[in-house]
Amino acid sequence: MAAVVEVEVGGGAAAERELEEVDMSDLSPEEQWRVEHARMHAKHRGHEAMHAEMVLILIATLVVAQLLLVQWKQRHPRSYNMVTLFQMWVVPLYFTVKLHWWRFLVIWIFFSAVTAFVTFRATRKPLVQTTPRLVYKWFLLIYKISYATGIVGYMAVMFTLFGLNLLFKIKPEDAMDFGISLLFYGLYYGVLERDFAEMCADYMASTIGFYSESGMPTKHLSDSVCAVCGQQIFVDVSEEGIIENTYRLSCNHVFHEFCIRGWCIVGKKQTCPYCKEKVDLKRMFSNPWERPHVMYGQLLDWLRYLVAWQPVIIGLVQGINYVLGLE
């Protein structure tokens, strides 16, 4: 260990040669990490100007990419959402296979298989009467599971930071790995299910005919029909339903409570499915215990950019650095 410390504090080409000659097999994991860290510093010593240029390239690429993505989303939202969804679905798969995360791969395959079946049902014409409920039940289930998983993961991380893992005789690295893994699972599948749910909601609502993404609806909405699922409404707004209540928006259009909540939370829609008037989410979710679901949904929307586009931007930056001969 003393030899490692001496090498670390040294400088110049001689120190770099000594670091390369260190036998890593005889060192502990902590000592191996220190040697790797020292090698990195020795390799990049004297390249401060190059590093500053790389930082400027990174900042410029991030700014330009953000502007282009915003313009793409505003001008062509459908293609932007489809490409983002595809990247959200495929990019983690690449790292999973590369890093041998087989547990994640098994869960990914199961989720993809069921979601593919649900999406297939949602895009069929004519639409089966039970399909809208099936779609919203599946994606609402995944939403709640991802929400709970993310909360447990966040608590595990915080408990580890405060040292509470020692009460259960759990190593800090094991507790942190557990918390970060759960947090990743919750956030990733939470983002993915919301994107698939939004796509399915658009297809189903357009097929039913009470909703059109651009333009007027193709059907007239009766007060006794829910525009989300197209089924009859049997419970009056002022009555307490045995199975499900009925909800009236500020525009006076009436829906099944389950349908309109699925439309707003899971399907990411904040407008009336019929007239497109903006929905007052604070009025809909008057219970303070329900409002975190709305905030969690907004967090997932923000993380979509981080998961889908950040690897692409970093890859682009590395490509620019390679072309310019920066290392």
Protein backbone atom coordinates (compact mmCIF):
# COMPACT_ATOMS: atom_id res chain seq x y z
CA MET A 1 0.00 0.00 0.00
CA ALA A 2 2.85 2.38 0.76
CA ALA A 3 4.23 1.87 -2.76
CA VAL A 4 0.86 2.76 -4.21
CA VAL A 5 0.72 5.99 -2.21
CA GLU A 6 4.24 6.93 -3.30
CA VAL A 7 3.32 6.38 -6.94
CA GLU A 8 0.15 8.45 -6.56
CA VAL A 9 1.95 11.51 -5.26
CA GLY A 10 4.62 11.32 -7.94
CA GLY A 11 4.46 13.15 -11.23
CA GLY A 12 5.59 13.06 -14.84
CA ALA A 13 6.26 10.20 -17.24
CA ALA A 14 8.18 8.21 -14.63
CA ALA A 15 5.15 8.10 -12.33
CA GLU A 16 2.94 7.03 -15.24
CA ARG A 17 5.31 4.15 -16.05
CA GLU A 18 5.38 3.08 -12.41
CA LEU A 19 1.60 3.06 -12.28
CA GLU A 20 1.43 0.83 -15.36
CA GLU A 21 3.83 -1.63 -13.70
CA VAL A 22 1.76 -2.00 -10.50
CA ASP A 23 0.49 -5.57 -10.03
CA MET A 24 -3.27 -5.17 -9.50
CA SER A 25 -3.82 -8.81 -8.46
CA ASP A 26 -2.14 -8.26 -5.09
CA LEU A 27 -4.22 -5.18 -4.20
CA SER A 28 -7.51 -4.85 -2.37
CA PRO A 29 -10.53 -3.39 -4.26
CA GLU A 30 -9.98 -0.02 -2.58
CA GLU A 31 -6.30 0.01 -3.55
CA GLN A 32 -7.15 -1.02 -7.13
CA TRP A 33 -9.55 1.91 -7.35
CA ARG A 34 -6.87 4.30 -6.09
CA VAL A 35 -4.37 3.02 -8.68
CA GLU A 36 -6.91 3.39 -11.51
CA HIS A 37 -7.69 6.90 -10.26
CA ALA A 38 -3.99 7.78 -10.19
CA ARG A 39 -3.51 6.36 -13.71
CA MET A 40 -6.29 8.56 -15.03
CA HIS A 41 -4.76 11.67 -13.46
CA ALA A 42 -1.30 10.81 -14.79
CA LYS A 43 -2.65 10.23 -18.30
CA HIS A 44 -4.49 13.56 -18.45
CA ARG A 45 -1.88 15.70 -16.69
CA GLY A 46 -0.92 18.75 -18.78
CA HIS A 47 -4.04 18.58 -21.00
CA GLU A 48 -5.95 21.39 -19.29
CA ALA A 49 -6.51 23.35 -22.53
CA MET A 50 -7.85 20.27 -24.28
CA HIS A 51 -10.19 19.55 -21.38
CA ALA A 52 -11.54 23.12 -21.48
CA GLU A 53 -12.22 22.72 -25.22
CA MET A 54 -14.09 19.45 -24.55
CA VAL A 55 -16.22 21.15 -21.89
CA LEU A 56 -17.14 23.93 -24.34
CA ILE A 57 -18.09 21.34 -26.97
CA LEU A 58 -20.27 19.56 -24.43
CA ILE A 59 -22.09 22.76 -23.40
CA ALA A 60 -22.59 23.88 -27.01
CA THR A 61 -23.92 20.46 -28.04
CA LEU A 62 -26.34 20.37 -25.12
CA VAL A 63 -27.71 23.84 -25.97
CA VAL A 64 -28.08 23.15 -29.70
CA ALA A 65 -29.61 19.71 -29.10
CA GLN A 66 -32.11 21.14 -26.62
CA LEU A 67 -33.19 23.84 -29.09
CA LEU A 68 -33.59 21.30 -31.89
CA LEU A 69 -35.58 18.90 -29.70
CA VAL A 70 -37.92 21.69 -28.54
CA GLN A 71 -38.55 22.79 -32.12
CA TRP A 72 -39.11 19.19 -33.25
CA LYS A 73 -41.57 18.59 -30.41
CA GLN A 74 -43.52 21.76 -31.20
CA ARG A 75 -43.65 21.30 -34.99
CA HIS A 76 -43.96 17.51 -35.26
CA PRO A 77 -45.11 16.17 -31.87
CA ARG A 78 -46.30 12.82 -33.21
CA SER A 79 -42.96 11.81 -34.77
CA TYR A 80 -41.07 13.22 -31.76
CA ASN A 81 -43.14 11.12 -29.35
CA MET A 82 -42.76 7.97 -31.43
CA VAL A 83 -38.98 8.31 -31.75
CA THR A 84 -38.65 9.13 -28.04
CA LEU A 85 -40.78 6.12 -27.11
CA PHE A 86 -38.67 3.84 -29.32
CA GLN A 87 -35.45 5.12 -27.73
CA MET A 88 -36.89 4.79 -24.23
CA TRP A 89 -37.73 1.19 -25.05
CA VAL A 90 -34.50 0.16 -26.81
CA VAL A 91 -31.60 2.18 -25.32
CA PRO A 92 -31.72 0.54 -21.83
CA LEU A 93 -31.91 -2.86 -23.57
CA TYR A 94 -28.49 -2.23 -25.16
CA PHE A 95 -26.87 -1.47 -21.79
CA THR A 96 -28.70 -4.40 -20.19
CA VAL A 97 -27.24 -6.92 -22.62
CA LYS A 98 -23.81 -5.26 -22.55
CA LEU A 99 -23.60 -5.22 -18.74
CA HIS A 100 -25.38 -8.57 -18.23
CA TRP A 101 -28.30 -7.22 -16.19
CA TRP A 102 -30.37 -10.36 -16.68
CA ARG A 103 -32.96 -9.56 -14.01
CA PHE A 104 -33.81 -6.30 -15.74
CA LEU A 105 -33.94 -8.13 -19.08
CA VAL A 106 -36.50 -10.67 -17.78
CA ILE A 107 -38.74 -7.90 -16.42
CA TRP A 108 -38.32 -5.91 -19.65
CA ILE A 109 -39.39 -8.91 -21.77
CA PHE A 110 -42.47 -9.55 -19.59
CA PHE A 111 -43.49 -5.88 -19.65
CA SER A 112 -42.93 -5.66 -23.40
CA ALA A 113 -44.97 -8.80 -24.11
CA VAL A 114 -48.02 -7.70 -22.09
CA THR A 115 -47.79 -4.10 -23.32
CA ALA A 116 -47.54 -5.30 -26.93
CA PHE A 117 -50.75 -7.31 -26.45
CA VAL A 118 -52.56 -4.38 -24.83
CA THR A 119 -51.35 -1.99 -27.54
CA PHE A 120 -52.50 -4.44 -30.22
CA ARG A 121 -55.97 -4.54 -28.66
CA ALA A 122 -56.09 -0.74 -28.42
CA THR A 123 -55.28 -0.23 -32.11
CA ARG A 124 -57.86 -2.68 -33.52
CA LYS A 125 -60.89 -1.46 -35.47
CA PRO A 126 -63.67 -1.86 -34.54
CA LEU A 127 -62.72 -1.42 -30.90
CA VAL A 128 -63.97 -4.11 -28.51
CA GLN A 129 -66.10 -2.60 -25.72
CA THR A 130 -63.91 -4.00 -22.95
CA THR A 131 -60.62 -2.78 -24.46
CA PRO A 132 -60.51 0.79 -22.99
CA ARG A 133 -60.93 -0.56 -19.46
CA LEU A 134 -58.30 -3.25 -20.11
CA VAL A 135 -55.82 -0.67 -21.37
CA TYR A 136 -56.30 1.76 -18.50
CA LYS A 137 -56.26 -1.02 -15.88
CA TRP A 138 -52.94 -2.38 -17.15
CA PHE A 139 -51.19 0.96 -17.42
CA LEU A 140 -52.67 2.22 -14.14
CA LEU A 141 -51.36 -0.95 -12.45
CA ILE A 142 -47.86 -0.38 -13.84
CA TYR A 143 -48.10 3.29 -12.87
CA LYS A 144 -48.93 2.43 -9.23
CA ILE A 145 -46.25 -0.28 -9.06
CA SER A 146 -43.61 2.06 -10.48
CA TYR A 147 -44.71 4.80 -8.08
CA ALA A 148 -44.42 2.49 -5.05
CA THR A 149 -41.11 1.04 -6.28
CA GLY A 150 -39.64 4.50 -6.76
CA ILE A 151 -40.73 5.59 -3.28
CA VAL A 152 -39.19 2.47 -1.66
CA GLY A 153 -35.97 2.99 -3.63
CA TYR A 154 -35.78 6.65 -2.61
CA MET A 155 -36.33 5.74 1.06
CA ALA A 156 -33.62 3.07 0.86
CA VAL A 157 -31.17 5.61 -0.54
CA MET A 158 -32.02 8.16 2.16
CA PHE A 159 -31.78 5.54 4.92
CA THR A 160 -28.33 4.59 3.64
CA LEU A 161 -27.18 8.22 3.56
CA PHE A 162 -28.28 8.63 7.19
CA GLY A 163 -26.60 5.36 8.19
CA LEU A 164 -29.82 3.59 9.19
CA ASN A 165 -28.79 0.53 7.18
CA LEU A 166 -26.34 -0.29 9.99
CA LEU A 167 -29.30 -1.04 12.27
CA PHE A 168 -30.10 -4.02 10.03
CA LYS A 169 -26.41 -4.96 9.60
CA ILE A 170 -26.52 -4.21 5.86
CA LYS A 171 -23.38 -2.98 4.12
CA PRO A 172 -23.66 0.61 2.79
CA GLU A 173 -22.78 -0.42 -0.77
CA ASP A 174 -25.42 -3.18 -0.75
CA ALA A 175 -28.10 -0.87 0.64
CA MET A 176 -27.24 1.88 -1.85
CA ASP A 177 -27.26 -0.56 -4.78
CA PHE A 178 -30.68 -1.85 -3.67
CA GLY A 179 -32.13 1.67 -3.37
CA ILE A 180 -30.73 2.92 -6.68
CA SER A 181 -31.92 -0.22 -8.49
CA LEU A 182 -35.48 0.18 -7.20
CA LEU A 183 -35.42 3.89 -8.01
CA PHE A 184 -34.29 3.15 -11.56
CA TYR A 185 -36.93 0.44 -12.06
CA GLY A 186 -39.69 2.71 -10.80
CA LEU A 187 -38.72 5.73 -12.87
CA TYR A 188 -37.93 3.85 -16.06
CA TYR A 189 -41.13 1.79 -16.23
CA GLY A 190 -43.13 4.78 -15.01
CA VAL A 191 -41.92 6.83 -17.99
CA LEU A 192 -42.35 3.96 -20.45
CA GLU A 193 -45.92 3.07 -19.44
CA ARG A 194 -47.06 6.71 -19.66
CA ASP A 195 -45.77 6.99 -23.23
CA PHE A 196 -47.45 3.74 -24.30
CA ALA A 197 -50.64 4.77 -22.48
CA GLU A 198 -50.72 8.12 -24.27
CA MET A 199 -50.37 6.43 -27.65
CA CYS A 200 -53.11 3.89 -26.84
CA ALA A 201 -55.41 6.62 -25.49
CA ASP A 202 -55.09 8.58 -28.76
CA TYR A 203 -55.85 5.51 -30.88
CA MET A 204 -58.83 4.41 -28.80
CA ALA A 205 -60.39 7.86 -28.47
CA SER A 206 -60.04 8.48 -32.22
CA THR A 207 -61.57 5.09 -32.99
CA ILE A 208 -64.52 5.70 -30.67
CA GLY A 209 -65.05 9.02 -32.45
CA PHE A 210 -65.58 11.46 -29.59
CA TYR A 211 -61.99 12.71 -29.73
CA SER A 212 -59.81 13.98 -32.54
CA GLU A 213 -56.21 15.07 -31.98
CA SER A 214 -56.70 17.88 -34.47
CA GLY A 215 -60.14 18.95 -35.62
CA MET A 216 -63.76 18.33 -34.58
CA PRO A 217 -65.06 15.04 -33.14
CA THR A 218 -66.82 12.73 -35.58
CA LYS A 219 -69.68 11.94 -33.17
CA HIS A 220 -72.02 13.96 -30.99
CA LEU A 221 -71.56 13.23 -27.28
CA SER A 222 -74.68 12.33 -25.30
CA ASP A 223 -74.90 13.10 -21.57
CA SER A 224 -75.34 9.38 -20.90
CA VAL A 225 -72.16 8.27 -22.72
CA CYS A 226 -68.53 8.47 -21.55
CA ALA A 227 -66.33 9.93 -24.31
CA VAL A 228 -63.25 8.02 -23.08
CA CYS A 229 -64.60 4.46 -23.26
CA GLY A 230 -67.81 5.01 -25.29
CA GLN A 231 -69.95 3.14 -22.74
CA GLN A 232 -73.14 4.17 -21.01
CA ILE A 233 -73.10 6.18 -17.77
CA PHE A 234 -75.61 4.75 -15.30
CA VAL A 235 -74.82 6.78 -12.17
CA ASP A 236 -75.77 10.44 -11.89
CA VAL A 237 -73.08 12.95 -10.90
CA SER A 238 -74.85 13.72 -7.61
CA GLU A 239 -75.24 10.02 -6.69
CA GLU A 240 -72.76 7.75 -4.93
CA GLY A 241 -71.93 4.80 -7.19
CA ILE A 242 -71.57 1.26 -5.84
CA ILE A 243 -68.79 0.28 -8.25
CA GLU A 244 -67.77 3.61 -9.74
CA ASN A 245 -68.73 7.27 -9.50
CA THR A 246 -69.43 9.73 -12.31
CA TYR A 247 -67.42 12.92 -12.72
CA ARG A 248 -68.38 16.19 -14.42
CA LEU A 249 -65.68 18.50 -15.76
CA SER A 250 -65.90 22.31 -15.69
CA CYS A 251 -67.06 22.16 -19.34
CA ASN A 252 -70.11 20.13 -18.12
CA HIS A 253 -69.14 16.94 -19.98
CA VAL A 254 -69.64 13.80 -17.89
CA PHE A 255 -67.38 10.72 -17.68
CA HIS A 256 -66.79 7.60 -15.64
CA GLU A 257 -64.47 8.68 -12.82
CA PHE A 258 -62.07 5.81 -13.57
CA CYS A 259 -61.93 6.76 -17.26
CA ILE A 260 -61.27 10.47 -16.79
CA ARG A 261 -58.63 9.82 -14.14
CA GLY A 262 -56.91 7.33 -16.44
CA TRP A 263 -57.16 9.84 -19.29
CA CYS A 264 -55.53 12.62 -17.24
CA ILE A 265 -52.96 10.75 -15.12
CA VAL A 266 -52.03 7.68 -17.16
CA GLY A 267 -52.74 9.02 -20.65
CA LYS A 268 -51.05 12.39 -19.89
CA LYS A 269 -54.05 14.36 -21.19
CA GLN A 270 -55.03 17.61 -19.47
CA THR A 271 -57.95 18.53 -21.72
CA CYS A 272 -61.54 17.33 -22.03
CA PRO A 273 -61.64 14.24 -24.32
CA TYR A 274 -64.52 15.85 -26.26
CA CYS A 275 -64.21 19.65 -26.38
CA LYS A 276 -60.49 19.95 -25.43
CA GLU A 277 -61.14 22.47 -22.66
CA LYS A 278 -58.31 22.42 -20.11
CA VAL A 279 -58.93 20.19 -17.11
CA ASP A 280 -58.47 21.68 -13.64
CA LEU A 281 -56.34 18.96 -12.04
CA LYS A 282 -56.40 20.68 -8.63
CA ARG A 283 -60.19 20.51 -8.62
CA MET A 284 -60.22 16.90 -9.82
CA PHE A 285 -57.68 15.76 -7.22
CA SER A 286 -58.93 17.68 -4.21
CA ASN A 287 -57.64 14.97 -1.87
CA PRO A 288 -54.07 15.98 -0.89
CA TRP A 289 -53.01 12.31 -0.86
CA GLU A 290 -53.81 12.06 -4.58
CA ARG A 291 -51.85 15.13 -5.69
CA PRO A 292 -48.42 13.45 -5.44
CA HIS A 293 -49.54 11.19 -8.33
CA VAL A 294 -49.83 14.30 -10.51
CA MET A 295 -46.42 15.60 -9.43
CA TYR A 296 -44.92 12.15 -9.96
CA GLY A 297 -46.30 12.17 -13.50
CA GLN A 298 -44.66 15.54 -14.16
CA LEU A 299 -41.35 14.18 -12.82
CA LEU A 300 -41.59 11.23 -15.23
CA ASP A 301 -42.14 13.61 -18.14
CA TRP A 302 -38.92 15.43 -17.22
CA LEU A 303 -36.94 12.19 -16.86
CA ARG A 304 -37.97 11.08 -20.35
CA TYR A 305 -35.49 13.53 -21.85
CA LEU A 306 -32.75 12.30 -19.53
CA VAL A 307 -33.20 8.62 -20.39
CA ALA A 308 -34.08 8.85 -24.10
CA TRP A 309 -31.95 11.70 -25.42
CA GLN A 310 -29.04 12.12 -23.00
CA PRO A 311 -27.19 8.97 -24.20
CA VAL A 312 -27.62 10.15 -27.80
CA ILE A 313 -26.22 13.60 -26.98
CA ILE A 314 -23.28 12.15 -25.03
CA GLY A 315 -22.54 9.81 -27.95
CA LEU A 316 -22.65 12.78 -30.33
CA VAL A 317 -20.21 14.71 -28.10
CA GLN A 318 -17.83 11.74 -28.01
CA GLY A 319 -18.01 11.50 -31.80
CA ILE A 320 -17.15 15.20 -32.17
CA ASN A 321 -14.22 14.82 -29.76
CA TYR A 322 -12.97 11.78 -31.70
CA VAL A 323 -13.13 13.62 -35.05
CA LEU A 324 -11.26 16.60 -33.58
CA GLY A 325 -8.63 14.35 -32.01
CA LEU A 326 -9.60 15.29 -28.43
CA GLU A 327 -9.15 12.63 -25.75
